[in-house]
Amino acid sequence: MAERRLDEMHQIVEELWRETEFTPSGDPTRVEENWLALRWTYRWEMRYLLELCGFAVEAEYSDFRGSAPAYGREQIWVARPL
């Protein structure tokens, strides 16, 4: 990541990713830059959106090992249709 911008009002983070290809001798041959934009979702927001779409939340985790939800961690949801 070369640069980062946060838009907290819209819950969007944008990052400039820079990739450089090198020759076997270590000389750069190509540089490519791309902006990646992601929107983050709070747990309470995701729960509400699932309920609005007709799902019942059965479980939520912060990783694929089944750890309890935690602030700033991944969100793994188990939901079923109502």
N, C-alpha and C. Protein backbone atom coordinates (compact mmCIF):
# COMPACT_ATOMS: atom_id res chain seq x y z
N MET A 1 0.84 -1.16 0.00
CA MET A 1 0.00 0.00 0.00
C MET A 1 0.89 1.24 0.00
N ALA A 2 0.58 2.17 -0.88
CA ALA A 2 1.40 3.37 -0.99
C ALA A 2 0.72 4.59 -0.37
N GLU A 3 -0.60 4.58 -0.34
CA GLU A 3 -1.34 5.74 0.17
C GLU A 3 -2.71 5.26 0.64
N ARG A 4 -3.28 5.95 1.64
CA ARG A 4 -4.60 5.58 2.17
C ARG A 4 -5.42 6.83 2.44
N ARG A 5 -6.71 6.76 2.07
CA ARG A 5 -7.66 7.84 2.37
C ARG A 5 -8.86 7.22 3.07
N LEU A 6 -9.34 7.90 4.11
CA LEU A 6 -10.52 7.44 4.84
C LEU A 6 -11.66 8.43 4.67
N ASP A 7 -12.83 7.89 4.44
CA ASP A 7 -14.06 8.68 4.41
C ASP A 7 -14.96 8.06 5.48
N GLU A 8 -14.80 8.57 6.70
CA GLU A 8 -15.53 7.98 7.82
C GLU A 8 -17.03 8.19 7.72
N MET A 9 -17.46 9.29 7.12
CA MET A 9 -18.89 9.55 6.98
C MET A 9 -19.57 8.46 6.13
N HIS A 10 -18.90 8.03 5.05
CA HIS A 10 -19.47 7.03 4.15
C HIS A 10 -18.91 5.63 4.39
N GLN A 11 -18.05 5.49 5.41
CA GLN A 11 -17.45 4.21 5.79
C GLN A 11 -16.67 3.59 4.63
N ILE A 12 -15.84 4.41 4.00
CA ILE A 12 -15.06 3.92 2.85
C ILE A 12 -13.58 4.19 3.10
N VAL A 13 -12.77 3.19 2.82
CA VAL A 13 -11.33 3.35 2.84
C VAL A 13 -10.83 3.10 1.42
N GLU A 14 -9.96 3.99 0.95
CA GLU A 14 -9.35 3.83 -0.37
C GLU A 14 -7.85 3.71 -0.17
N GLU A 15 -7.27 2.73 -0.85
CA GLU A 15 -5.82 2.53 -0.76
C GLU A 15 -5.23 2.49 -2.17
N LEU A 16 -4.09 3.12 -2.31
CA LEU A 16 -3.35 3.05 -3.56
C LEU A 16 -2.33 1.92 -3.42
N TRP A 17 -2.50 0.92 -4.27
CA TRP A 17 -1.58 -0.23 -4.25
C TRP A 17 -0.62 -0.08 -5.43
N ARG A 18 0.66 -0.17 -5.12
CA ARG A 18 1.69 -0.04 -6.14
C ARG A 18 2.43 -1.38 -6.26
N GLU A 19 2.46 -1.89 -7.48
CA GLU A 19 3.15 -3.16 -7.74
C GLU A 19 4.27 -2.90 -8.74
N THR A 20 5.43 -3.44 -8.44
CA THR A 20 6.60 -3.25 -9.30
C THR A 20 7.15 -4.60 -9.71
N GLU A 21 7.38 -4.77 -11.00
CA GLU A 21 8.03 -5.98 -11.51
C GLU A 21 9.51 -5.68 -11.69
N PHE A 22 10.32 -6.66 -11.34
CA PHE A 22 11.77 -6.51 -11.44
C PHE A 22 12.36 -7.57 -12.34
N THR A 23 13.46 -7.23 -12.99
CA THR A 23 14.22 -8.21 -13.76
C THR A 23 14.99 -9.09 -12.77
N PRO A 24 15.52 -10.21 -13.23
CA PRO A 24 16.32 -11.04 -12.33
C PRO A 24 17.50 -10.29 -11.70
N SER A 25 18.01 -9.25 -12.38
CA SER A 25 19.13 -8.49 -11.82
C SER A 25 18.67 -7.41 -10.83
N GLY A 26 17.32 -7.26 -10.67
CA GLY A 26 16.80 -6.32 -9.69
C GLY A 26 16.38 -4.97 -10.23
N ASP A 27 16.44 -4.80 -11.55
CA ASP A 27 16.02 -3.53 -12.15
C ASP A 27 14.50 -3.53 -12.34
N PRO A 28 13.84 -2.42 -12.01
CA PRO A 28 12.38 -2.36 -12.22
C PRO A 28 12.05 -2.32 -13.71
N THR A 29 11.05 -3.12 -14.10
CA THR A 29 10.65 -3.14 -15.51
C THR A 29 9.26 -2.56 -15.72
N ARG A 30 8.42 -2.64 -14.69
CA ARG A 30 7.06 -2.12 -14.83
C ARG A 30 6.53 -1.76 -13.46
N VAL A 31 5.84 -0.63 -13.38
CA VAL A 31 5.16 -0.21 -12.15
C VAL A 31 3.69 0.00 -12.48
N GLU A 32 2.84 -0.59 -11.69
CA GLU A 32 1.40 -0.44 -11.88
C GLU A 32 0.78 0.06 -10.59
N GLU A 33 -0.09 1.04 -10.69
CA GLU A 33 -0.78 1.58 -9.52
C GLU A 33 -2.28 1.42 -9.71
N ASN A 34 -2.96 0.97 -8.66
CA ASN A 34 -4.41 0.81 -8.69
C ASN A 34 -5.00 1.26 -7.37
N TRP A 35 -6.12 1.96 -7.44
CA TRP A 35 -6.85 2.33 -6.24
C TRP A 35 -7.84 1.23 -5.91
N LEU A 36 -7.88 0.84 -4.65
CA LEU A 36 -8.82 -0.15 -4.15
C LEU A 36 -9.72 0.55 -3.15
N ALA A 37 -11.03 0.50 -3.37
CA ALA A 37 -11.99 1.14 -2.47
C ALA A 37 -12.82 0.06 -1.79
N LEU A 38 -12.89 0.13 -0.47
CA LEU A 38 -13.67 -0.83 0.31
C LEU A 38 -14.58 -0.08 1.26
N ARG A 39 -15.78 -0.60 1.47
CA ARG A 39 -16.69 -0.04 2.46
C ARG A 39 -16.73 -0.99 3.63
N TRP A 40 -16.58 -0.44 4.83
CA TRP A 40 -16.66 -1.30 6.01
C TRP A 40 -18.06 -1.25 6.59
N THR A 41 -18.42 -2.32 7.28
CA THR A 41 -19.75 -2.45 7.88
C THR A 41 -19.58 -2.79 9.35
N TYR A 42 -20.30 -2.09 10.19
CA TYR A 42 -20.28 -2.38 11.62
C TYR A 42 -21.15 -3.61 11.90
N ARG A 43 -20.87 -4.29 13.00
CA ARG A 43 -21.62 -5.50 13.33
C ARG A 43 -23.11 -5.22 13.47
N TRP A 44 -23.46 -4.16 14.18
CA TRP A 44 -24.88 -3.86 14.38
C TRP A 44 -25.55 -3.56 13.05
N GLU A 45 -24.82 -2.94 12.12
CA GLU A 45 -25.36 -2.63 10.80
C GLU A 45 -25.59 -3.90 9.99
N MET A 46 -24.64 -4.82 10.03
CA MET A 46 -24.78 -6.07 9.29
C MET A 46 -25.95 -6.89 9.83
N ARG A 47 -26.07 -6.94 11.15
CA ARG A 47 -27.19 -7.68 11.75
C ARG A 47 -28.52 -7.10 11.28
N TYR A 48 -28.64 -5.78 11.30
CA TYR A 48 -29.87 -5.12 10.89
C TYR A 48 -30.16 -5.38 9.41
N LEU A 49 -29.14 -5.29 8.54
CA LEU A 49 -29.34 -5.54 7.12
C LEU A 49 -29.79 -6.98 6.86
N LEU A 50 -29.20 -7.94 7.57
CA LEU A 50 -29.62 -9.33 7.42
C LEU A 50 -31.08 -9.50 7.83
N GLU A 51 -31.46 -8.90 8.95
CA GLU A 51 -32.84 -8.99 9.41
C GLU A 51 -33.80 -8.33 8.43
N LEU A 52 -33.42 -7.17 7.88
CA LEU A 52 -34.27 -6.50 6.89
C LEU A 52 -34.48 -7.36 5.64
N CYS A 53 -33.49 -8.18 5.30
CA CYS A 53 -33.57 -9.04 4.12
C CYS A 53 -34.19 -10.39 4.41
N GLY A 54 -34.71 -10.57 5.63
CA GLY A 54 -35.42 -11.80 5.95
C GLY A 54 -34.56 -12.94 6.44
N PHE A 55 -33.44 -12.65 7.09
CA PHE A 55 -32.57 -13.68 7.64
C PHE A 55 -32.56 -13.61 9.16
N ALA A 56 -32.38 -14.76 9.78
CA ALA A 56 -32.18 -14.83 11.22
C ALA A 56 -30.71 -15.17 11.46
N VAL A 57 -30.06 -14.41 12.31
CA VAL A 57 -28.64 -14.65 12.60
C VAL A 57 -28.54 -15.78 13.61
N GLU A 58 -27.82 -16.82 13.25
CA GLU A 58 -27.62 -17.95 14.15
C GLU A 58 -26.31 -17.84 14.91
N ALA A 59 -25.30 -17.26 14.29
CA ALA A 59 -24.00 -17.12 14.97
C ALA A 59 -23.17 -16.07 14.25
N GLU A 60 -22.21 -15.51 14.98
CA GLU A 60 -21.24 -14.60 14.38
C GLU A 60 -19.89 -14.81 15.05
N TYR A 61 -18.84 -14.71 14.24
CA TYR A 61 -17.49 -14.98 14.71
C TYR A 61 -16.55 -13.90 14.20
N SER A 62 -15.34 -13.87 14.75
CA SER A 62 -14.33 -12.93 14.27
C SER A 62 -13.23 -13.61 13.46
N ASP A 63 -13.34 -14.92 13.26
CA ASP A 63 -12.42 -15.65 12.39
C ASP A 63 -13.03 -17.01 12.07
N PHE A 64 -12.36 -17.77 11.22
CA PHE A 64 -12.89 -19.06 10.79
C PHE A 64 -12.60 -20.17 11.80
N ARG A 65 -11.99 -19.83 12.93
CA ARG A 65 -11.80 -20.80 14.00
C ARG A 65 -12.92 -20.73 15.02
N GLY A 66 -13.86 -19.80 14.83
CA GLY A 66 -15.01 -19.68 15.72
C GLY A 66 -14.78 -18.77 16.91
N SER A 67 -13.81 -17.87 16.83
CA SER A 67 -13.55 -16.95 17.94
C SER A 67 -14.72 -15.96 18.08
N ALA A 68 -14.92 -15.51 19.30
CA ALA A 68 -16.01 -14.57 19.58
C ALA A 68 -15.81 -13.27 18.80
N PRO A 69 -16.91 -12.60 18.46
CA PRO A 69 -16.79 -11.31 17.75
C PRO A 69 -15.94 -10.33 18.55
N ALA A 70 -15.16 -9.52 17.83
CA ALA A 70 -14.30 -8.53 18.48
C ALA A 70 -14.19 -7.32 17.59
N TYR A 71 -14.09 -6.15 18.18
CA TYR A 71 -14.00 -4.90 17.44
C TYR A 71 -12.75 -4.90 16.56
N GLY A 72 -12.93 -4.48 15.31
CA GLY A 72 -11.81 -4.37 14.39
C GLY A 72 -11.35 -5.68 13.78
N ARG A 73 -12.07 -6.74 14.02
CA ARG A 73 -11.69 -8.05 13.47
C ARG A 73 -12.59 -8.38 12.29
N GLU A 74 -12.39 -9.55 11.71
CA GLU A 74 -13.23 -10.01 10.61
C GLU A 74 -14.65 -10.26 11.11
N GLN A 75 -15.59 -10.33 10.18
CA GLN A 75 -16.96 -10.65 10.51
C GLN A 75 -17.37 -11.91 9.74
N ILE A 76 -17.63 -12.95 10.46
CA ILE A 76 -18.11 -14.21 9.87
C ILE A 76 -19.51 -14.42 10.41
N TRP A 77 -20.49 -14.47 9.50
CA TRP A 77 -21.89 -14.58 9.90
C TRP A 77 -22.46 -15.92 9.46
N VAL A 78 -23.29 -16.50 10.32
CA VAL A 78 -24.08 -17.68 9.98
C VAL A 78 -25.54 -17.24 10.10
N ALA A 79 -26.25 -17.28 8.97
CA ALA A 79 -27.64 -16.81 8.97
C ALA A 79 -28.49 -17.78 8.16
N ARG A 80 -29.78 -17.78 8.47
CA ARG A 80 -30.72 -18.64 7.73
C ARG A 80 -31.94 -17.82 7.36
N PRO A 81 -32.61 -18.19 6.28
CA PRO A 81 -33.84 -17.48 5.93
C PRO A 81 -34.91 -17.71 6.98
N LEU A 82 -35.71 -16.70 7.21
CA LEU A 82 -36.83 -16.84 8.16
C LEU A 82 -37.95 -17.66 7.56
